[in-house]
N, C-alpha and C. Protein backbone atom coordinates (compact mmCIF):
# COMPACT_ATOMS: atom_id res chain seq x y z
N MET A 1 72.83 -104.75 -40.25
CA MET A 1 72.93 -105.61 -41.47
C MET A 1 72.19 -106.89 -41.17
N SER A 2 71.42 -107.23 -42.12
CA SER A 2 70.51 -108.44 -41.99
C SER A 2 71.30 -109.69 -42.42
N ARG A 3 71.18 -110.75 -41.65
CA ARG A 3 71.85 -111.97 -42.05
C ARG A 3 70.87 -112.89 -42.69
N LEU A 4 71.33 -113.48 -43.86
CA LEU A 4 70.43 -114.46 -44.48
C LEU A 4 70.43 -115.73 -43.71
N PRO A 5 69.33 -116.44 -43.71
CA PRO A 5 69.29 -117.68 -42.96
C PRO A 5 70.20 -118.63 -43.57
N HIS A 6 70.75 -119.47 -42.74
CA HIS A 6 71.76 -120.42 -43.19
C HIS A 6 71.05 -121.65 -43.80
N LEU A 7 71.20 -121.96 -45.05
CA LEU A 7 70.52 -123.06 -45.69
C LEU A 7 71.61 -124.18 -45.88
N SER A 8 71.17 -125.36 -45.45
CA SER A 8 72.05 -126.53 -45.69
C SER A 8 72.20 -126.93 -47.08
N LEU A 9 73.25 -127.57 -47.48
CA LEU A 9 73.46 -127.98 -48.89
C LEU A 9 72.31 -128.91 -49.27
N THR A 10 71.85 -129.72 -48.40
CA THR A 10 70.78 -130.73 -48.64
C THR A 10 69.53 -129.98 -49.06
N THR A 11 69.19 -128.94 -48.32
CA THR A 11 67.94 -128.17 -48.60
C THR A 11 68.05 -127.52 -49.95
N VAL A 12 69.19 -126.97 -50.32
CA VAL A 12 69.41 -126.29 -51.60
C VAL A 12 69.26 -127.35 -52.68
N LEU A 13 69.91 -128.53 -52.52
CA LEU A 13 69.84 -129.60 -53.48
C LEU A 13 68.34 -130.15 -53.65
N VAL A 14 67.65 -130.26 -52.67
CA VAL A 14 66.28 -130.72 -52.68
C VAL A 14 65.41 -129.72 -53.44
N CYS A 15 65.56 -128.33 -53.15
CA CYS A 15 64.79 -127.34 -53.84
C CYS A 15 65.23 -127.36 -55.37
N ALA A 16 66.45 -127.43 -55.70
CA ALA A 16 66.91 -127.51 -57.11
C ALA A 16 66.26 -128.78 -57.76
N ALA A 17 66.27 -129.84 -57.16
CA ALA A 17 65.69 -131.07 -57.70
C ALA A 17 64.25 -130.88 -57.99
N ALA A 18 63.51 -130.26 -56.93
CA ALA A 18 62.19 -130.05 -57.13
C ALA A 18 61.75 -129.15 -58.33
N VAL A 19 62.62 -128.11 -58.46
CA VAL A 19 62.47 -127.21 -59.63
C VAL A 19 62.70 -127.95 -60.98
N ALA A 20 63.72 -128.78 -60.97
CA ALA A 20 64.02 -129.55 -62.17
C ALA A 20 62.99 -130.48 -62.53
N ILE A 21 62.49 -131.29 -61.51
CA ILE A 21 61.37 -132.23 -61.69
C ILE A 21 60.16 -131.54 -62.22
N GLY A 22 59.78 -130.38 -61.61
CA GLY A 22 58.65 -129.59 -62.01
C GLY A 22 58.78 -129.15 -63.42
N SER A 23 59.90 -128.66 -63.74
CA SER A 23 60.14 -128.13 -65.21
C SER A 23 60.03 -129.36 -66.19
N PHE A 24 60.55 -130.52 -65.80
CA PHE A 24 60.51 -131.66 -66.55
C PHE A 24 58.97 -132.04 -66.78
N ALA A 25 58.28 -132.07 -65.69
CA ALA A 25 56.86 -132.51 -65.68
C ALA A 25 55.99 -131.57 -66.59
N VAL A 26 56.26 -130.24 -66.49
CA VAL A 26 55.53 -129.26 -67.31
C VAL A 26 55.87 -129.45 -68.82
N THR A 27 57.16 -129.63 -69.14
CA THR A 27 57.63 -129.85 -70.43
C THR A 27 57.06 -131.16 -71.09
N SER A 28 57.04 -132.26 -70.26
CA SER A 28 56.51 -133.44 -70.67
C SER A 28 55.03 -133.41 -70.97
N ALA A 29 54.27 -132.72 -70.06
CA ALA A 29 52.81 -132.58 -70.24
C ALA A 29 52.53 -131.75 -71.54
N ARG A 30 53.33 -130.73 -71.76
CA ARG A 30 53.08 -129.95 -73.04
C ARG A 30 53.40 -130.79 -74.17
N TYR A 31 54.41 -131.63 -74.19
CA TYR A 31 54.77 -132.45 -75.27
C TYR A 31 53.61 -133.56 -75.57
N PHE A 32 53.11 -134.20 -74.45
CA PHE A 32 52.05 -135.09 -74.66
C PHE A 32 50.74 -134.53 -75.25
N VAL A 33 50.48 -133.29 -74.71
CA VAL A 33 49.26 -132.64 -75.28
C VAL A 33 49.41 -132.29 -76.75
N HIS A 34 50.60 -131.81 -77.12
CA HIS A 34 50.93 -131.43 -78.39
C HIS A 34 50.84 -132.71 -79.32
N ASN A 35 51.43 -133.76 -78.90
CA ASN A 35 51.41 -134.96 -79.61
C ASN A 35 50.03 -135.50 -79.85
N TYR A 36 49.20 -135.45 -78.87
CA TYR A 36 47.72 -135.87 -78.93
C TYR A 36 47.00 -135.02 -80.00
N GLN A 37 47.27 -133.65 -79.95
CA GLN A 37 46.66 -132.78 -80.94
C GLN A 37 47.13 -133.14 -82.36
N LEU A 38 48.38 -133.45 -82.58
CA LEU A 38 48.80 -133.84 -83.81
C LEU A 38 48.22 -135.11 -84.31
N HIS A 39 48.06 -136.07 -83.51
CA HIS A 39 47.31 -137.27 -83.85
C HIS A 39 45.96 -137.08 -84.21
N GLN A 40 45.27 -136.18 -83.54
CA GLN A 40 43.86 -135.79 -83.90
C GLN A 40 43.77 -135.21 -85.31
N GLN A 41 44.71 -134.27 -85.45
CA GLN A 41 44.71 -133.59 -86.83
C GLN A 41 45.07 -134.61 -87.93
N GLU A 42 46.00 -135.48 -87.65
CA GLU A 42 46.34 -136.52 -88.66
C GLU A 42 45.05 -137.30 -88.96
N SER A 43 44.36 -137.73 -87.99
CA SER A 43 43.18 -138.48 -88.27
C SER A 43 42.11 -137.77 -89.06
N GLN A 44 41.89 -136.51 -88.67
CA GLN A 44 40.99 -135.68 -89.46
C GLN A 44 41.38 -135.44 -90.90
N MET A 45 42.67 -135.30 -91.14
CA MET A 45 43.20 -135.07 -92.47
C MET A 45 43.06 -136.37 -93.25
N ARG A 46 43.29 -137.45 -92.63
CA ARG A 46 43.20 -138.78 -93.29
C ARG A 46 41.73 -138.99 -93.82
N GLY A 47 40.85 -138.54 -93.00
CA GLY A 47 39.39 -138.62 -93.37
C GLY A 47 39.07 -137.75 -94.53
N GLU A 48 39.61 -136.54 -94.52
CA GLU A 48 39.45 -135.57 -95.56
C GLU A 48 40.03 -136.11 -96.95
N ILE A 49 41.18 -136.77 -96.72
CA ILE A 49 41.82 -137.35 -97.94
C ILE A 49 40.98 -138.39 -98.56
N VAL A 50 40.39 -139.28 -97.73
CA VAL A 50 39.47 -140.32 -98.22
C VAL A 50 38.28 -139.67 -98.95
N GLN A 51 37.69 -138.62 -98.29
CA GLN A 51 36.53 -137.95 -98.95
C GLN A 51 36.97 -137.31 -100.25
N LEU A 52 38.06 -136.65 -100.25
CA LEU A 52 38.55 -135.94 -101.51
C LEU A 52 38.90 -137.07 -102.58
N ASN A 53 39.30 -138.17 -102.20
CA ASN A 53 39.55 -139.28 -103.23
C ASN A 53 38.22 -139.73 -103.77
N ARG A 54 37.28 -139.81 -102.99
CA ARG A 54 35.84 -140.24 -103.45
C ARG A 54 35.31 -139.23 -104.42
N ASP A 55 35.41 -137.88 -103.95
CA ASP A 55 34.98 -136.90 -104.92
C ASP A 55 35.74 -136.87 -106.21
N HIS A 56 37.06 -137.01 -106.09
CA HIS A 56 37.83 -137.12 -107.37
C HIS A 56 37.45 -138.30 -108.23
N ALA A 57 37.15 -139.39 -107.67
CA ALA A 57 36.66 -140.49 -108.55
C ALA A 57 35.34 -140.23 -109.10
N GLN A 58 34.49 -139.60 -108.31
CA GLN A 58 33.16 -139.18 -108.97
C GLN A 58 33.32 -138.24 -110.12
N LEU A 59 34.19 -137.18 -109.91
CA LEU A 59 34.43 -136.20 -110.99
C LEU A 59 35.05 -136.86 -112.19
N VAL A 60 35.95 -137.79 -112.05
CA VAL A 60 36.54 -138.47 -113.20
C VAL A 60 35.50 -139.27 -113.87
N ALA A 61 34.59 -139.95 -113.17
CA ALA A 61 33.56 -140.73 -113.79
C ALA A 61 32.61 -139.83 -114.52
N ILE A 62 32.24 -138.66 -113.95
CA ILE A 62 31.42 -137.72 -114.59
C ILE A 62 32.06 -137.16 -115.81
N ARG A 63 33.31 -136.78 -115.78
CA ARG A 63 34.05 -136.37 -116.94
C ARG A 63 34.05 -137.38 -118.05
N ASP A 64 34.35 -138.62 -117.69
CA ASP A 64 34.36 -139.65 -118.71
C ASP A 64 32.97 -139.86 -119.30
N TYR A 65 31.89 -139.71 -118.44
CA TYR A 65 30.55 -139.84 -118.99
C TYR A 65 30.20 -138.71 -119.95
N LEU A 66 30.66 -137.48 -119.62
CA LEU A 66 30.30 -136.32 -120.51
C LEU A 66 31.08 -136.44 -121.80
N LYS A 67 31.98 -137.25 -121.98
CA LYS A 67 32.75 -137.54 -123.25
C LYS A 67 31.99 -138.55 -124.12
N THR A 68 31.07 -139.35 -123.56
CA THR A 68 30.44 -140.41 -124.31
C THR A 68 29.48 -139.92 -125.36
N ASP A 69 29.25 -140.79 -126.35
CA ASP A 69 28.19 -140.45 -127.27
C ASP A 69 26.73 -140.44 -126.72
N GLN A 70 26.60 -141.27 -125.69
CA GLN A 70 25.33 -141.40 -125.08
C GLN A 70 24.91 -140.03 -124.48
N TYR A 71 25.89 -139.34 -123.76
CA TYR A 71 25.52 -138.14 -123.21
C TYR A 71 25.30 -137.01 -124.27
N ILE A 72 26.16 -136.97 -125.31
CA ILE A 72 26.01 -136.00 -126.32
C ILE A 72 24.66 -136.17 -127.02
N GLU A 73 24.27 -137.43 -127.26
CA GLU A 73 22.93 -137.62 -127.86
C GLU A 73 21.84 -137.19 -126.89
N GLN A 74 21.98 -137.45 -125.60
CA GLN A 74 20.98 -137.01 -124.64
C GLN A 74 20.80 -135.52 -124.67
N ILE A 75 21.94 -134.81 -124.66
CA ILE A 75 21.92 -133.36 -124.65
C ILE A 75 21.26 -132.91 -125.93
N ALA A 76 21.65 -133.49 -127.07
CA ALA A 76 21.15 -133.05 -128.36
C ALA A 76 19.63 -133.23 -128.43
N ARG A 77 19.16 -134.26 -127.80
CA ARG A 77 17.66 -134.51 -127.84
C ARG A 77 16.95 -133.59 -126.83
N ARG A 78 17.44 -133.67 -125.62
CA ARG A 78 16.80 -132.94 -124.56
C ARG A 78 16.85 -131.42 -124.57
N VAL A 79 18.09 -130.91 -124.87
CA VAL A 79 18.31 -129.52 -124.77
C VAL A 79 18.13 -128.88 -126.20
N LEU A 80 18.60 -129.46 -127.19
CA LEU A 80 18.58 -128.85 -128.51
C LEU A 80 17.40 -129.30 -129.32
N GLY A 81 16.65 -130.34 -128.86
CA GLY A 81 15.46 -130.82 -129.62
C GLY A 81 15.74 -131.48 -130.85
N LEU A 82 16.96 -132.04 -131.02
CA LEU A 82 17.36 -132.67 -132.27
C LEU A 82 16.78 -134.15 -132.27
N VAL A 83 16.50 -134.74 -133.46
CA VAL A 83 16.00 -136.10 -133.65
C VAL A 83 16.71 -136.69 -134.70
N HIS A 84 16.78 -138.08 -134.69
CA HIS A 84 17.38 -138.83 -135.75
C HIS A 84 16.46 -138.68 -137.08
N PRO A 85 17.11 -138.90 -138.23
CA PRO A 85 16.25 -138.97 -139.46
C PRO A 85 15.21 -140.10 -139.28
N GLY A 86 14.00 -139.75 -139.61
CA GLY A 86 12.85 -140.67 -139.52
C GLY A 86 12.17 -140.71 -138.25
N GLU A 87 12.62 -139.97 -137.20
CA GLU A 87 11.99 -139.80 -136.01
C GLU A 87 11.16 -138.58 -135.98
N THR A 88 10.09 -138.62 -135.17
CA THR A 88 9.26 -137.44 -135.11
C THR A 88 9.34 -136.82 -133.71
N LEU A 89 9.55 -135.50 -133.55
CA LEU A 89 9.67 -134.83 -132.27
C LEU A 89 8.20 -134.67 -131.78
N VAL A 90 8.00 -135.11 -130.51
CA VAL A 90 6.68 -134.94 -129.83
C VAL A 90 6.93 -134.06 -128.72
N ILE A 91 6.23 -132.95 -128.48
CA ILE A 91 6.31 -132.09 -127.37
C ILE A 91 5.04 -132.21 -126.55
N VAL A 92 5.14 -132.67 -125.29
CA VAL A 92 4.04 -132.86 -124.50
C VAL A 92 3.94 -131.65 -123.56
N SER A 93 2.73 -131.03 -123.58
CA SER A 93 2.43 -129.80 -122.78
C SER A 93 2.04 -130.30 -121.44
N ALA A 94 2.02 -129.36 -120.50
CA ALA A 94 1.69 -129.69 -119.13
C ALA A 94 0.18 -129.88 -119.08
N ALA A 95 -0.18 -130.74 -118.12
CA ALA A 95 -1.61 -131.01 -117.88
C ALA A 95 -2.34 -129.82 -117.31
N HIS A 96 -3.61 -129.75 -117.48
CA HIS A 96 -4.44 -128.56 -117.07
C HIS A 96 -4.24 -128.41 -115.51
N GLY A 97 -3.85 -127.18 -115.13
CA GLY A 97 -3.73 -126.85 -113.75
C GLY A 97 -2.32 -127.10 -113.14
N VAL A 98 -1.46 -127.76 -113.96
CA VAL A 98 -0.11 -128.04 -113.48
C VAL A 98 0.83 -127.13 -114.21
N PRO A 99 1.60 -126.37 -113.58
CA PRO A 99 2.53 -125.48 -114.20
C PRO A 99 3.48 -126.14 -115.08
N ALA A 100 3.88 -125.47 -116.22
CA ALA A 100 4.81 -126.23 -117.20
C ALA A 100 6.20 -126.35 -116.60
N THR A 101 6.54 -125.50 -115.77
CA THR A 101 7.93 -125.61 -115.20
C THR A 101 7.72 -125.87 -113.71
N ALA A 102 8.47 -126.83 -113.24
CA ALA A 102 8.36 -127.08 -111.79
C ALA A 102 9.19 -126.07 -111.08
N THR A 103 8.84 -125.79 -109.82
CA THR A 103 9.66 -124.95 -109.07
C THR A 103 10.97 -125.59 -108.68
N PRO A 104 12.11 -124.91 -108.94
CA PRO A 104 13.40 -125.67 -108.66
C PRO A 104 13.46 -125.99 -107.13
N ARG A 105 14.01 -127.12 -106.95
CA ARG A 105 14.22 -127.60 -105.63
C ARG A 105 15.38 -126.81 -104.97
N ALA A 106 15.22 -126.63 -103.76
CA ALA A 106 16.39 -125.85 -103.06
C ALA A 106 17.62 -126.70 -103.00
N VAL A 107 18.73 -126.14 -103.37
CA VAL A 107 20.03 -126.91 -103.37
C VAL A 107 20.63 -126.84 -101.94
N ARG A 108 21.03 -128.03 -101.53
CA ARG A 108 21.62 -128.04 -100.23
C ARG A 108 22.87 -127.33 -100.22
N GLY A 109 23.15 -126.48 -99.18
CA GLY A 109 24.39 -125.66 -99.15
C GLY A 109 25.62 -126.44 -98.86
N ASP A 110 25.53 -127.71 -98.39
CA ASP A 110 26.78 -128.48 -97.94
C ASP A 110 27.21 -129.37 -99.09
N GLU A 111 26.54 -129.43 -100.28
CA GLU A 111 26.97 -130.27 -101.36
C GLU A 111 27.45 -129.34 -102.46
N PRO A 112 28.53 -129.85 -103.18
CA PRO A 112 29.06 -129.08 -104.35
C PRO A 112 27.89 -129.08 -105.45
N TRP A 113 27.87 -128.15 -106.30
CA TRP A 113 26.92 -127.92 -107.31
C TRP A 113 26.96 -129.13 -108.27
N TRP A 114 28.10 -129.68 -108.53
CA TRP A 114 28.19 -130.70 -109.55
C TRP A 114 27.60 -132.09 -109.05
N LYS A 115 27.60 -132.27 -107.73
CA LYS A 115 26.95 -133.47 -107.23
C LYS A 115 25.44 -133.43 -107.43
N GLU A 116 24.90 -132.17 -107.16
CA GLU A 116 23.53 -131.97 -107.34
C GLU A 116 23.16 -132.13 -108.78
N LEU A 117 23.99 -131.65 -109.70
CA LEU A 117 23.59 -131.64 -111.11
C LEU A 117 23.76 -133.17 -111.72
N TYR A 118 24.90 -133.69 -111.44
CA TYR A 118 25.22 -134.95 -112.18
C TYR A 118 24.88 -136.20 -111.30
N ILE A 119 24.96 -136.19 -110.13
CA ILE A 119 24.75 -137.37 -109.30
C ILE A 119 23.26 -137.43 -108.80
N GLY A 120 22.66 -136.34 -108.63
CA GLY A 120 21.27 -136.38 -108.19
C GLY A 120 21.18 -135.83 -106.77
N PRO A 121 19.95 -135.69 -106.26
CA PRO A 121 19.74 -135.16 -104.96
C PRO A 121 20.24 -136.16 -103.85
N PRO A 122 20.56 -135.62 -102.75
CA PRO A 122 21.14 -136.46 -101.70
C PRO A 122 19.93 -137.34 -101.16
N PRO A 123 20.10 -138.53 -100.64
CA PRO A 123 19.10 -139.39 -100.18
C PRO A 123 18.23 -138.59 -99.08
N ALA A 124 16.93 -138.84 -99.09
CA ALA A 124 16.07 -138.20 -98.12
C ALA A 124 16.40 -138.93 -96.70
N ALA A 125 16.35 -138.15 -95.68
CA ALA A 125 16.48 -138.63 -94.31
C ALA A 125 15.28 -139.55 -93.99
N THR A 126 15.54 -140.73 -93.50
CA THR A 126 14.47 -141.56 -93.04
C THR A 126 14.27 -141.46 -91.62
N PRO A 127 12.97 -141.26 -91.25
CA PRO A 127 12.64 -141.09 -89.86
C PRO A 127 13.05 -142.23 -89.05
N GLN A 128 13.63 -142.01 -87.88
CA GLN A 128 14.09 -143.00 -87.03
C GLN A 128 12.95 -143.34 -86.08
N PRO A 129 12.82 -144.71 -85.87
CA PRO A 129 11.76 -145.09 -84.91
C PRO A 129 12.01 -144.64 -83.48
N GLY A 130 10.93 -144.13 -82.97
CA GLY A 130 11.04 -143.58 -81.57
C GLY A 130 11.63 -142.22 -81.48
N GLY A 131 11.95 -141.53 -82.62
CA GLY A 131 12.65 -140.28 -82.63
C GLY A 131 11.83 -139.21 -83.11
């Protein structure tokens, strides 16, 4: 029959304390990592909220503009070809060698369609000096 080595009470307590401290350290590290990730997500979401609020404000402004008489008159003139009484409609044809319809510009894939339609094209990138 094999005898187990005799361990002193101090050795057992030191080993138990080391396991407890190690467990506490691992748990604390996980907590701090998770807390850091949550703060990062919160910052990202706050940025998204700011951008969504900007988009919402633009959409509200566009909606309000679409309800104005100025927009309705612009569409009536440009799309429907209507004129006020006493006005004469003049249609200008394309110059010689220039196609009557321009080739549509490629729409950027990262912008919503309504921004392209109502706000206009995104600003062109300016070349950076030395780059």
